[in-house]
Amino acid sequence: EQHLVTNGASQLFAEVFGDKGVHARSAVGVAQLPLGACVEIELVV
């Protein structure tokens, strides 16, 4: 359910930027991230 974790970020950008905030997206599960992070997000603007 990685997509559910990502929903919050997607919804925030849609709320802040309106139609300009609607975007393509990918949510990927990984075994671990640097420094013990839970989520890492990359954004193309």
PDB file of all heavy atoms in Angstrom:
ATOM      1  N   GLU A   1       0.814  -1.220   0.000  1.00  0.00           N
ATOM      2  CA  GLU A   1       0.000   0.000   0.000  1.00  0.00           C
ATOM      3  C   GLU A   1       0.846   1.268   0.000  1.00  0.00           C
ATOM      4  O   GLU A   1       0.482   2.281   0.595  1.00  0.00           O
ATOM      5  CB  GLU A   1      -0.977  -0.041   1.164  1.00  0.00           C
ATOM      6  CG  GLU A   1      -1.937  -1.214   1.013  1.00  0.00           C
ATOM      7  CD  GLU A   1      -3.055  -1.222   2.019  1.00  0.00           C
ATOM      8  OE1 GLU A   1      -3.020  -0.457   2.999  1.00  0.00           O
ATOM      9  OE2 GLU A   1      -3.988  -2.003   1.819  1.00  0.00           O
ATOM     10  N   GLN A   2       1.957   1.224  -0.722  1.00  0.00           N
ATOM     11  CA  GLN A   2       2.826   2.392  -0.832  1.00  0.00           C
ATOM     12  C   GLN A   2       2.067   3.585  -1.405  1.00  0.00           C
ATOM     13  O   GLN A   2       2.319   4.730  -1.033  1.00  0.00           O
ATOM     14  CB  GLN A   2       4.044   2.077  -1.712  1.00  0.00           C
ATOM     15  CG  GLN A   2       5.024   1.114  -1.101  1.00  0.00           C
ATOM     16  CD  GLN A   2       4.637  -0.344  -1.252  1.00  0.00           C
ATOM     17  OE1 GLN A   2       3.649  -0.691  -1.885  1.00  0.00           O
ATOM     18  NE2 GLN A   2       5.436  -1.218  -0.671  1.00  0.00           N
ATOM     19  N   HIS A   3       1.130   3.319  -2.291  1.00  0.00           N
ATOM     20  CA  HIS A   3       0.356   4.409  -2.897  1.00  0.00           C
ATOM     21  C   HIS A   3      -0.419   5.204  -1.849  1.00  0.00           C
ATOM     22  O   HIS A   3      -0.597   6.409  -1.980  1.00  0.00           O
ATOM     23  CB  HIS A   3      -0.596   3.854  -3.967  1.00  0.00           C
ATOM     24  CG  HIS A   3      -1.643   2.934  -3.420  1.00  0.00           C
ATOM     25  ND1 HIS A   3      -1.353   1.642  -2.983  1.00  0.00           N
ATOM     26  CD2 HIS A   3      -2.958   3.116  -3.215  1.00  0.00           C
ATOM     27  CE1 HIS A   3      -2.470   1.075  -2.551  1.00  0.00           C
ATOM     28  NE2 HIS A   3      -3.455   1.955  -2.678  1.00  0.00           N
ATOM     29  N   LEU A   4      -0.861   4.547  -0.797  1.00  0.00           N
ATOM     30  CA  LEU A   4      -1.588   5.253   0.258  1.00  0.00           C
ATOM     31  C   LEU A   4      -0.674   6.204   1.028  1.00  0.00           C
ATOM     32  O   LEU A   4      -1.102   7.285   1.433  1.00  0.00           O
ATOM     33  CB  LEU A   4      -2.228   4.251   1.220  1.00  0.00           C
ATOM     34  CG  LEU A   4      -3.289   3.333   0.603  1.00  0.00           C
ATOM     35  CD1 LEU A   4      -3.786   2.328   1.637  1.00  0.00           C
ATOM     36  CD2 LEU A   4      -4.437   4.137   0.020  1.00  0.00           C
ATOM     37  N   VAL A   5       0.579   5.823   1.213  1.00  0.00           N
ATOM     38  CA  VAL A   5       1.547   6.686   1.880  1.00  0.00           C
ATOM     39  C   VAL A   5       1.774   7.947   1.051  1.00  0.00           C
ATOM     40  O   VAL A   5       1.894   9.052   1.570  1.00  0.00           O
ATOM     41  CB  VAL A   5       2.883   5.933   2.103  1.00  0.00           C
ATOM     42  CG1 VAL A   5       3.940   6.849   2.689  1.00  0.00           C
ATOM     43  CG2 VAL A   5       2.659   4.706   2.983  1.00  0.00           C
ATOM     44  N   THR A   6       1.778   7.783  -0.259  1.00  0.00           N
ATOM     45  CA  THR A   6       2.067   8.875  -1.181  1.00  0.00           C
ATOM     46  C   THR A   6       0.860   9.797  -1.392  1.00  0.00           C
ATOM     47  O   THR A   6       1.019  10.943  -1.799  1.00  0.00           O
ATOM     48  CB  THR A   6       2.534   8.286  -2.525  1.00  0.00           C
ATOM     49  OG1 THR A   6       3.595   7.375  -2.262  1.00  0.00           O
ATOM     50  CG2 THR A   6       3.040   9.353  -3.467  1.00  0.00           C
ATOM     51  N   ASN A   7      -0.331   9.327  -1.093  1.00  0.00           N
ATOM     52  CA  ASN A   7      -1.541  10.132  -1.306  1.00  0.00           C
ATOM     53  C   ASN A   7      -1.477  11.498  -0.627  1.00  0.00           C
ATOM     54  O   ASN A   7      -1.914  12.498  -1.189  1.00  0.00           O
ATOM     55  CB  ASN A   7      -2.783   9.395  -0.810  1.00  0.00           C
ATOM     56  CG  ASN A   7      -3.258   8.338  -1.783  1.00  0.00           C
ATOM     57  OD1 ASN A   7      -2.779   8.236  -2.911  1.00  0.00           O
ATOM     58  ND2 ASN A   7      -4.195   7.526  -1.344  1.00  0.00           N
ATOM     59  N   GLY A   8      -0.935  11.555   0.570  1.00  0.00           N
ATOM     60  CA  GLY A   8      -0.882  12.828   1.299  1.00  0.00           C
ATOM     61  C   GLY A   8      -0.115  13.896   0.538  1.00  0.00           C
ATOM     62  O   GLY A   8      -0.562  15.039   0.432  1.00  0.00           O
ATOM     63  N   ALA A   9       1.028  13.528  -0.007  1.00  0.00           N
ATOM     64  CA  ALA A   9       1.824  14.497  -0.770  1.00  0.00           C
ATOM     65  C   ALA A   9       1.081  14.909  -2.041  1.00  0.00           C
ATOM     66  O   ALA A   9       1.021  16.100  -2.372  1.00  0.00           O
ATOM     67  CB  ALA A   9       3.189  13.913  -1.118  1.00  0.00           C
ATOM     68  N   SER A  10       0.504  13.953  -2.736  1.00  0.00           N
ATOM     69  CA  SER A  10      -0.230  14.273  -3.959  1.00  0.00           C
ATOM     70  C   SER A  10      -1.403  15.196  -3.681  1.00  0.00           C
ATOM     71  O   SER A  10      -1.642  16.171  -4.396  1.00  0.00           O
ATOM     72  CB  SER A  10      -0.745  12.989  -4.628  1.00  0.00           C
ATOM     73  OG  SER A  10       0.316  12.266  -5.193  1.00  0.00           O
ATOM     74  N   GLN A  11      -2.134  14.911  -2.626  1.00  0.00           N
ATOM     75  CA  GLN A  11      -3.290  15.737  -2.271  1.00  0.00           C
ATOM     76  C   GLN A  11      -2.871  17.145  -1.875  1.00  0.00           C
ATOM     77  O   GLN A  11      -3.538  18.123  -2.232  1.00  0.00           O
ATOM     78  CB  GLN A  11      -4.085  15.067  -1.154  1.00  0.00           C
ATOM     79  CG  GLN A  11      -4.779  13.803  -1.622  1.00  0.00           C
ATOM     80  CD  GLN A  11      -5.335  12.974  -0.476  1.00  0.00           C
ATOM     81  OE1 GLN A  11      -5.100  13.254   0.698  1.00  0.00           O
ATOM     82  NE2 GLN A  11      -6.056  11.926  -0.823  1.00  0.00           N
ATOM     83  N   LEU A  12      -1.760  17.267  -1.152  1.00  0.00           N
ATOM     84  CA  LEU A  12      -1.280  18.593  -0.749  1.00  0.00           C
ATOM     85  C   LEU A  12      -0.934  19.440  -1.972  1.00  0.00           C
ATOM     86  O   LEU A  12      -1.334  20.607  -2.054  1.00  0.00           O
ATOM     87  CB  LEU A  12      -0.065  18.477   0.165  1.00  0.00           C
ATOM     88  CG  LEU A  12       0.559  19.810   0.584  1.00  0.00           C
ATOM     89  CD1 LEU A  12      -0.425  20.613   1.433  1.00  0.00           C
ATOM     90  CD2 LEU A  12       1.850  19.582   1.336  1.00  0.00           C
ATOM     91  N   PHE A  13      -0.219  18.876  -2.937  1.00  0.00           N
ATOM     92  CA  PHE A  13       0.137  19.649  -4.132  1.00  0.00           C
ATOM     93  C   PHE A  13      -1.105  20.037  -4.926  1.00  0.00           C
ATOM     94  O   PHE A  13      -1.171  21.139  -5.468  1.00  0.00           O
ATOM     95  CB  PHE A  13       1.151  18.894  -4.991  1.00  0.00           C
ATOM     96  CG  PHE A  13       2.534  18.968  -4.430  1.00  0.00           C
ATOM     97  CD1 PHE A  13       3.119  17.876  -3.837  1.00  0.00           C
ATOM     98  CD2 PHE A  13       3.242  20.163  -4.464  1.00  0.00           C
ATOM     99  CE1 PHE A  13       4.386  17.957  -3.289  1.00  0.00           C
ATOM    100  CE2 PHE A  13       4.514  20.260  -3.922  1.00  0.00           C
ATOM    101  CZ  PHE A  13       5.088  19.148  -3.330  1.00  0.00           C
ATOM    102  N   ALA A  14      -2.101  19.172  -4.986  1.00  0.00           N
ATOM    103  CA  ALA A  14      -3.353  19.515  -5.674  1.00  0.00           C
ATOM    104  C   ALA A  14      -4.075  20.643  -4.938  1.00  0.00           C
ATOM    105  O   ALA A  14      -4.628  21.551  -5.569  1.00  0.00           O
ATOM    106  CB  ALA A  14      -4.247  18.285  -5.791  1.00  0.00           C
ATOM    107  N   GLU A  15      -4.057  20.626  -3.610  1.00  0.00           N
ATOM    108  CA  GLU A  15      -4.710  21.686  -2.836  1.00  0.00           C
ATOM    109  C   GLU A  15      -3.980  23.015  -2.975  1.00  0.00           C
ATOM    110  O   GLU A  15      -4.606  24.066  -3.122  1.00  0.00           O
ATOM    111  CB  GLU A  15      -4.780  21.298  -1.357  1.00  0.00           C
ATOM    112  CG  GLU A  15      -5.793  20.220  -1.062  1.00  0.00           C
ATOM    113  CD  GLU A  15      -5.793  19.814   0.404  1.00  0.00           C
ATOM    114  OE1 GLU A  15      -5.345  20.604   1.264  1.00  0.00           O
ATOM    115  OE2 GLU A  15      -6.246  18.692   0.689  1.00  0.00           O
ATOM    116  N   VAL A  16      -2.656  22.995  -2.931  1.00  0.00           N
ATOM    117  CA  VAL A  16      -1.869  24.228  -2.988  1.00  0.00           C
ATOM    118  C   VAL A  16      -1.877  24.842  -4.380  1.00  0.00           C
ATOM    119  O   VAL A  16      -2.033  26.059  -4.534  1.00  0.00           O
ATOM    120  CB  VAL A  16      -0.415  23.975  -2.520  1.00  0.00           C
ATOM    121  CG1 VAL A  16       0.472  25.177  -2.788  1.00  0.00           C
ATOM    122  CG2 VAL A  16      -0.390  23.610  -1.042  1.00  0.00           C
ATOM    123  N   PHE A  17      -1.740  24.018  -5.414  1.00  0.00           N
ATOM    124  CA  PHE A  17      -1.572  24.526  -6.779  1.00  0.00           C
ATOM    125  C   PHE A  17      -2.792  24.333  -7.670  1.00  0.00           C
ATOM    126  O   PHE A  17      -2.761  24.725  -8.839  1.00  0.00           O
ATOM    127  CB  PHE A  17      -0.347  23.872  -7.432  1.00  0.00           C
ATOM    128  CG  PHE A  17       0.947  24.224  -6.773  1.00  0.00           C
ATOM    129  CD1 PHE A  17       1.600  23.325  -5.955  1.00  0.00           C
ATOM    130  CD2 PHE A  17       1.518  25.478  -6.951  1.00  0.00           C
ATOM    131  CE1 PHE A  17       2.790  23.643  -5.329  1.00  0.00           C
ATOM    132  CE2 PHE A  17       2.710  25.819  -6.328  1.00  0.00           C
ATOM    133  CZ  PHE A  17       3.345  24.893  -5.515  1.00  0.00           C
ATOM    134  N   GLY A  18      -3.866  23.757  -7.164  1.00  0.00           N
ATOM    135  CA  GLY A  18      -5.060  23.535  -7.984  1.00  0.00           C
ATOM    136  C   GLY A  18      -4.743  22.635  -9.169  1.00  0.00           C
ATOM    137  O   GLY A  18      -4.014  21.654  -9.028  1.00  0.00           O
ATOM    138  N   ASP A  19      -5.256  22.985 -10.343  1.00  0.00           N
ATOM    139  CA  ASP A  19      -5.021  22.172 -11.537  1.00  0.00           C
ATOM    140  C   ASP A  19      -3.535  22.053 -11.871  1.00  0.00           C
ATOM    141  O   ASP A  19      -3.106  21.049 -12.437  1.00  0.00           O
ATOM    142  CB  ASP A  19      -5.764  22.748 -12.743  1.00  0.00           C
ATOM    143  CG  ASP A  19      -7.270  22.561 -12.638  1.00  0.00           C
ATOM    144  OD1 ASP A  19      -7.709  21.692 -11.849  1.00  0.00           O
ATOM    145  OD2 ASP A  19      -8.004  23.281 -13.332  1.00  0.00           O
ATOM    146  N   LYS A  20      -2.740  23.056 -11.512  1.00  0.00           N
ATOM    147  CA  LYS A  20      -1.298  23.012 -11.768  1.00  0.00           C
ATOM    148  C   LYS A  20      -0.601  21.990 -10.874  1.00  0.00           C
ATOM    149  O   LYS A  20       0.530  21.602 -11.133  1.00  0.00           O
ATOM    150  CB  LYS A  20      -0.660  24.386 -11.551  1.00  0.00           C
ATOM    151  CG  LYS A  20      -1.179  25.466 -12.475  1.00  0.00           C
ATOM    152  CD  LYS A  20      -0.433  26.764 -12.325  1.00  0.00           C
ATOM    153  CE  LYS A  20      -0.376  27.277 -10.909  1.00  0.00           C
ATOM    154  NZ  LYS A  20       0.298  28.573 -10.766  1.00  0.00           N
ATOM    155  N   GLY A  21      -1.278  21.538  -9.842  1.00  0.00           N
ATOM    156  CA  GLY A  21      -0.692  20.579  -8.905  1.00  0.00           C
ATOM    157  C   GLY A  21      -1.010  19.136  -9.218  1.00  0.00           C
ATOM    158  O   GLY A  21      -0.499  18.225  -8.576  1.00  0.00           O
ATOM    159  N   VAL A  22      -1.867  18.904 -10.217  1.00  0.00           N
ATOM    160  CA  VAL A  22      -2.195  17.535 -10.623  1.00  0.00           C
ATOM    161  C   VAL A  22      -1.022  16.989 -11.425  1.00  0.00           C
ATOM    162  O   VAL A  22      -0.545  17.645 -12.351  1.00  0.00           O
ATOM    163  CB  VAL A  22      -3.506  17.513 -11.446  1.00  0.00           C
ATOM    164  CG1 VAL A  22      -3.805  16.107 -11.913  1.00  0.00           C
ATOM    165  CG2 VAL A  22      -4.651  18.066 -10.605  1.00  0.00           C
ATOM    166  N   HIS A  23      -0.548  15.812 -11.073  1.00  0.00           N
ATOM    167  CA  HIS A  23       0.716  15.322 -11.616  1.00  0.00           C
ATOM    168  C   HIS A  23       0.695  13.816 -11.842  1.00  0.00           C
ATOM    169  O   HIS A  23      -0.153  13.106 -11.310  1.00  0.00           O
ATOM    170  CB  HIS A  23       1.850  15.656 -10.634  1.00  0.00           C
ATOM    171  CG  HIS A  23       1.552  15.177  -9.241  1.00  0.00           C
ATOM    172  ND1 HIS A  23       0.858  15.949  -8.344  1.00  0.00           N
ATOM    173  CD2 HIS A  23       1.802  14.012  -8.615  1.00  0.00           C
ATOM    174  CE1 HIS A  23       0.707  15.280  -7.217  1.00  0.00           C
ATOM    175  NE2 HIS A  23       1.268  14.078  -7.349  1.00  0.00           N
ATOM    176  N   ALA A  24       1.656  13.338 -12.610  1.00  0.00           N
ATOM    177  CA  ALA A  24       1.923  11.905 -12.702  1.00  0.00           C
ATOM    178  C   ALA A  24       2.659  11.512 -11.430  1.00  0.00           C
ATOM    179  O   ALA A  24       3.299  12.352 -10.789  1.00  0.00           O
ATOM    180  CB  ALA A  24       2.791  11.613 -13.923  1.00  0.00           C
ATOM    181  N   ARG A  25       2.572  10.228 -11.071  1.00  0.00           N
ATOM    182  CA  ARG A  25       3.288   9.839  -9.864  1.00  0.00           C
ATOM    183  C   ARG A  25       3.597   8.358  -9.853  1.00  0.00           C
ATOM    184  O   ARG A  25       2.953   7.566 -10.521  1.00  0.00           O
ATOM    185  CB  ARG A  25       2.539  10.246  -8.626  1.00  0.00           C
ATOM    186  CG  ARG A  25       1.481   9.283  -8.214  1.00  0.00           C
ATOM    187  CD  ARG A  25       0.880   9.663  -6.900  1.00  0.00           C
ATOM    188  NE  ARG A  25       0.161   8.493  -6.404  1.00  0.00           N
ATOM    189  CZ  ARG A  25      -0.480   8.447  -5.295  1.00  0.00           C
ATOM    190  NH1 ARG A  25      -0.520   9.493  -4.516  1.00  0.00           N
ATOM    191  NH2 ARG A  25      -1.093   7.355  -4.914  1.00  0.00           N
ATOM    192  N   SER A  26       4.605   8.033  -9.073  1.00  0.00           N
ATOM    193  CA  SER A  26       4.999   6.654  -8.833  1.00  0.00           C
ATOM    194  C   SER A  26       5.218   6.492  -7.344  1.00  0.00           C
ATOM    195  O   SER A  26       5.755   7.381  -6.690  1.00  0.00           O
ATOM    196  CB  SER A  26       6.301   6.320  -9.563  1.00  0.00           C
ATOM    197  OG  SER A  26       6.155   6.453 -10.942  1.00  0.00           O
ATOM    198  N   ALA A  27       4.801   5.350  -6.818  1.00  0.00           N
ATOM    199  CA  ALA A  27       5.043   5.009  -5.420  1.00  0.00           C
ATOM    200  C   ALA A  27       5.696   3.631  -5.415  1.00  0.00           C
ATOM    201  O   ALA A  27       5.119   2.666  -5.902  1.00  0.00           O
ATOM    202  CB  ALA A  27       3.731   4.994  -4.637  1.00  0.00           C
ATOM    203  N   VAL A  28       6.894   3.562  -4.872  1.00  0.00           N
ATOM    204  CA  VAL A  28       7.690   2.343  -4.938  1.00  0.00           C
ATOM    205  C   VAL A  28       8.103   1.917  -3.538  1.00  0.00           C
ATOM    206  O   VAL A  28       8.533   2.751  -2.733  1.00  0.00           O
ATOM    207  CB  VAL A  28       8.953   2.585  -5.801  1.00  0.00           C
ATOM    208  CG1 VAL A  28       9.794   1.330  -5.904  1.00  0.00           C
ATOM    209  CG2 VAL A  28       8.568   3.091  -7.182  1.00  0.00           C
ATOM    210  N   GLY A  29       7.992   0.634  -3.250  1.00  0.00           N
ATOM    211  CA  GLY A  29       8.454   0.094  -1.978  1.00  0.00           C
ATOM    212  C   GLY A  29       9.920  -0.294  -2.067  1.00  0.00           C
ATOM    213  O   GLY A  29      10.346  -0.865  -3.068  1.00  0.00           O
ATOM    214  N   VAL A  30      10.673   0.038  -1.034  1.00  0.00           N
ATOM    215  CA  VAL A  30      12.097  -0.312  -0.971  1.00  0.00           C
ATOM    216  C   VAL A  30      12.398  -0.921   0.394  1.00  0.00           C
ATOM    217  O   VAL A  30      11.689  -0.679   1.364  1.00  0.00           O
ATOM    218  CB  VAL A  30      12.998   0.919  -1.219  1.00  0.00           C
ATOM    219  CG1 VAL A  30      12.789   1.483  -2.612  1.00  0.00           C
ATOM    220  CG2 VAL A  30      12.762   1.998  -0.186  1.00  0.00           C
ATOM    221  N   ALA A  31      13.482  -1.708   0.454  1.00  0.00           N
ATOM    222  CA  ALA A  31      13.855  -2.376   1.703  1.00  0.00           C
ATOM    223  C   ALA A  31      14.302  -1.382   2.766  1.00  0.00           C
ATOM    224  O   ALA A  31      13.982  -1.525   3.941  1.00  0.00           O
ATOM    225  CB  ALA A  31      14.952  -3.394   1.437  1.00  0.00           C
ATOM    226  N   GLN A  32      15.049  -0.354   2.359  1.00  0.00           N
ATOM    227  CA  GLN A  32      15.478   0.674   3.308  1.00  0.00           C
ATOM    228  C   GLN A  32      15.905   1.924   2.557  1.00  0.00           C
ATOM    229  O   GLN A  32      16.173   1.882   1.365  1.00  0.00           O
ATOM    230  CB  GLN A  32      16.609   0.179   4.208  1.00  0.00           C
ATOM    231  CG  GLN A  32      17.921  -0.089   3.488  1.00  0.00           C
ATOM    232  CD  GLN A  32      18.959  -0.652   4.450  1.00  0.00           C
ATOM    233  OE1 GLN A  32      18.680  -1.593   5.171  1.00  0.00           O
ATOM    234  NE2 GLN A  32      20.136  -0.079   4.449  1.00  0.00           N
ATOM    235  N   LEU A  33      15.938   3.032   3.287  1.00  0.00           N
ATOM    236  CA  LEU A  33      16.336   4.324   2.739  1.00  0.00           C
ATOM    237  C   LEU A  33      17.494   4.882   3.559  1.00  0.00           C
ATOM    238  O   LEU A  33      17.675   4.505   4.721  1.00  0.00           O
ATOM    239  CB  LEU A  33      15.148   5.299   2.766  1.00  0.00           C
ATOM    240  CG  LEU A  33      14.029   4.962   1.783  1.00  0.00           C
ATOM    241  CD1 LEU A  33      12.781   5.754   2.120  1.00  0.00           C
ATOM    242  CD2 LEU A  33      14.468   5.239   0.363  1.00  0.00           C
ATOM    243  N   PRO A  34      18.261   5.801   2.996  1.00  0.00           N
ATOM    244  CA  PRO A  34      19.382   6.390   3.730  1.00  0.00           C
ATOM    245  C   PRO A  34      18.938   7.034   5.044  1.00  0.00           C
ATOM    246  O   PRO A  34      17.853   7.617   5.127  1.00  0.00           O
ATOM    247  CB  PRO A  34      19.922   7.450   2.766  1.00  0.00           C
ATOM    248  CG  PRO A  34      19.497   6.983   1.413  1.00  0.00           C
ATOM    249  CD  PRO A  34      18.177   6.302   1.627  1.00  0.00           C
ATOM    250  N   LEU A  35      19.783   6.911   6.041  1.00  0.00           N
ATOM    251  CA  LEU A  35      19.580   7.522   7.356  1.00  0.00           C
ATOM    252  C   LEU A  35      18.310   7.046   8.054  1.00  0.00           C
ATOM    253  O   LEU A  35      17.768   7.730   8.919  1.00  0.00           O
ATOM    254  CB  LEU A  35      19.591   9.054   7.245  1.00  0.00           C
ATOM    255  CG  LEU A  35      20.842   9.668   6.619  1.00  0.00           C
ATOM    256  CD1 LEU A  35      20.676  11.164   6.437  1.00  0.00           C
ATOM    257  CD2 LEU A  35      22.074   9.357   7.478  1.00  0.00           C
ATOM    258  N   GLY A  36      17.790   5.896   7.651  1.00  0.00           N
ATOM    259  CA  GLY A  36      16.607   5.345   8.298  1.00  0.00           C
ATOM    260  C   GLY A  36      15.317   6.073   7.972  1.00  0.00           C
ATOM    261  O   GLY A  36      14.323   5.926   8.683  1.00  0.00           O
ATOM    262  N   ALA A  37      15.309   6.856   6.899  1.00  0.00           N
ATOM    263  CA  ALA A  37      14.103   7.594   6.518  1.00  0.00           C
ATOM    264  C   ALA A  37      12.967   6.625   6.180  1.00  0.00           C
ATOM    265  O   ALA A  37      13.200   5.503   5.724  1.00  0.00           O
ATOM    266  CB  ALA A  37      14.393   8.487   5.317  1.00  0.00           C
ATOM    267  N   CYS A  38      11.742   7.061   6.407  1.00  0.00           N
ATOM    268  CA  CYS A  38      10.563   6.255   6.083  1.00  0.00           C
ATOM    269  C   CYS A  38      10.142   6.456   4.634  1.00  0.00           C
ATOM    270  O   CYS A  38       9.685   5.524   3.985  1.00  0.00           O
ATOM    271  CB  CYS A  38       9.394   6.637   6.987  1.00  0.00           C
ATOM    272  SG  CYS A  38       9.713   6.333   8.722  1.00  0.00           S
ATOM    273  N   VAL A  39      10.263   7.701   4.164  1.00  0.00           N
ATOM    274  CA  VAL A  39       9.818   8.048   2.815  1.00  0.00           C
ATOM    275  C   VAL A  39      10.807   9.034   2.209  1.00  0.00           C
ATOM    276  O   VAL A  39      11.305   9.926   2.895  1.00  0.00           O
ATOM    277  CB  VAL A  39       8.408   8.708   2.833  1.00  0.00           C
ATOM    278  CG1 VAL A  39       7.966   9.119   1.446  1.00  0.00           C
ATOM    279  CG2 VAL A  39       7.383   7.789   3.464  1.00  0.00           C
ATOM    280  N   GLU A  40      11.068   8.865   0.938  1.00  0.00           N
ATOM    281  CA  GLU A  40      11.869   9.833   0.184  1.00  0.00           C
ATOM    282  C   GLU A  40      11.030  10.238  -1.022  1.00  0.00           C
ATOM    283  O   GLU A  40      10.448   9.388  -1.689  1.00  0.00           O
ATOM    284  CB  GLU A  40      13.171   9.182  -0.267  1.00  0.00           C
ATOM    285  CG  GLU A  40      14.091  10.109  -1.011  1.00  0.00           C
ATOM    286  CD  GLU A  40      15.431   9.458  -1.320  1.00  0.00           C
ATOM    287  OE1 GLU A  40      16.057   8.912  -0.398  1.00  0.00           O
ATOM    288  OE2 GLU A  40      15.829   9.495  -2.497  1.00  0.00           O
ATOM    289  N   ILE A  41      10.947  11.533  -1.275  1.00  0.00           N
ATOM    290  CA  ILE A  41      10.114  12.025  -2.380  1.00  0.00           C
ATOM    291  C   ILE A  41      10.955  12.844  -3.343  1.00  0.00           C
ATOM    292  O   ILE A  41      11.710  13.722  -2.938  1.00  0.00           O
ATOM    293  CB  ILE A  41       8.936  12.875  -1.852  1.00  0.00           C
ATOM    294  CG1 ILE A  41       8.042  12.022  -0.959  1.00  0.00           C
ATOM    295  CG2 ILE A  41       8.129  13.445  -3.020  1.00  0.00           C
ATOM    296  CD1 ILE A  41       6.903  12.776  -0.331  1.00  0.00           C
ATOM    297  N   GLU A  42      10.786  12.536  -4.615  1.00  0.00           N
ATOM    298  CA  GLU A  42      11.429  13.295  -5.690  1.00  0.00           C
ATOM    299  C   GLU A  42      10.320  14.015  -6.449  1.00  0.00           C
ATOM    300  O   GLU A  42       9.275  13.442  -6.718  1.00  0.00           O
ATOM    301  CB  GLU A  42      12.174  12.342  -6.627  1.00  0.00           C
ATOM    302  CG  GLU A  42      12.776  13.041  -7.830  1.00  0.00           C
ATOM    303  CD  GLU A  42      13.436  12.048  -8.782  1.00  0.00           C
ATOM    304  OE1 GLU A  42      12.905  10.955  -8.970  1.00  0.00           O
ATOM    305  OE2 GLU A  42      14.487  12.407  -9.331  1.00  0.00           O
ATOM    306  N   LEU A  43      10.577  15.259  -6.790  1.00  0.00           N
ATOM    307  CA  LEU A  43       9.572  16.072  -7.447  1.00  0.00           C
ATOM    308  C   LEU A  43      10.142  16.705  -8.704  1.00  0.00           C
ATOM    309  O   LEU A  43      11.246  17.250  -8.677  1.00  0.00           O
ATOM    310  CB  LEU A  43       9.126  17.181  -6.475  1.00  0.00           C
ATOM    311  CG  LEU A  43       7.867  17.943  -6.770  1.00  0.00           C
ATOM    312  CD1 LEU A  43       6.651  17.028  -6.763  1.00  0.00           C
ATOM    313  CD2 LEU A  43       7.674  19.036  -5.737  1.00  0.00           C
ATOM    314  N   VAL A  44       9.394  16.631  -9.798  1.00  0.00           N
ATOM    315  CA  VAL A  44       9.762  17.306 -11.044  1.00  0.00           C
ATOM    316  C   VAL A  44       8.766  18.439 -11.241  1.00  0.00           C
ATOM    317  O   VAL A  44       7.546  18.204 -11.238  1.00  0.00           O
ATOM    318  CB  VAL A  44       9.728  16.338 -12.250  1.00  0.00           C
ATOM    319  CG1 VAL A  44      10.070  17.085 -13.541  1.00  0.00           C
ATOM    320  CG2 VAL A  44      10.688  15.179 -12.032  1.00  0.00           C
ATOM    321  N   VAL A  45       9.286  19.659 -11.394  1.00  0.00           N
ATOM    322  CA  VAL A  45       8.462  20.855 -11.473  1.00  0.00           C
ATOM    323  C   VAL A  45       8.793  21.628 -12.736  1.00  0.00           C
ATOM    324  O   VAL A  45       9.958  21.735 -13.114  1.00  0.00           O
ATOM    325  CB  VAL A  45       8.719  21.751 -10.229  1.00  0.00           C
ATOM    326  CG1 VAL A  45       7.960  23.054 -10.322  1.00  0.00           C
ATOM    327  CG2 VAL A  45       8.370  21.008  -8.968  1.00  0.00           C
TER     328      VAL A  45
END
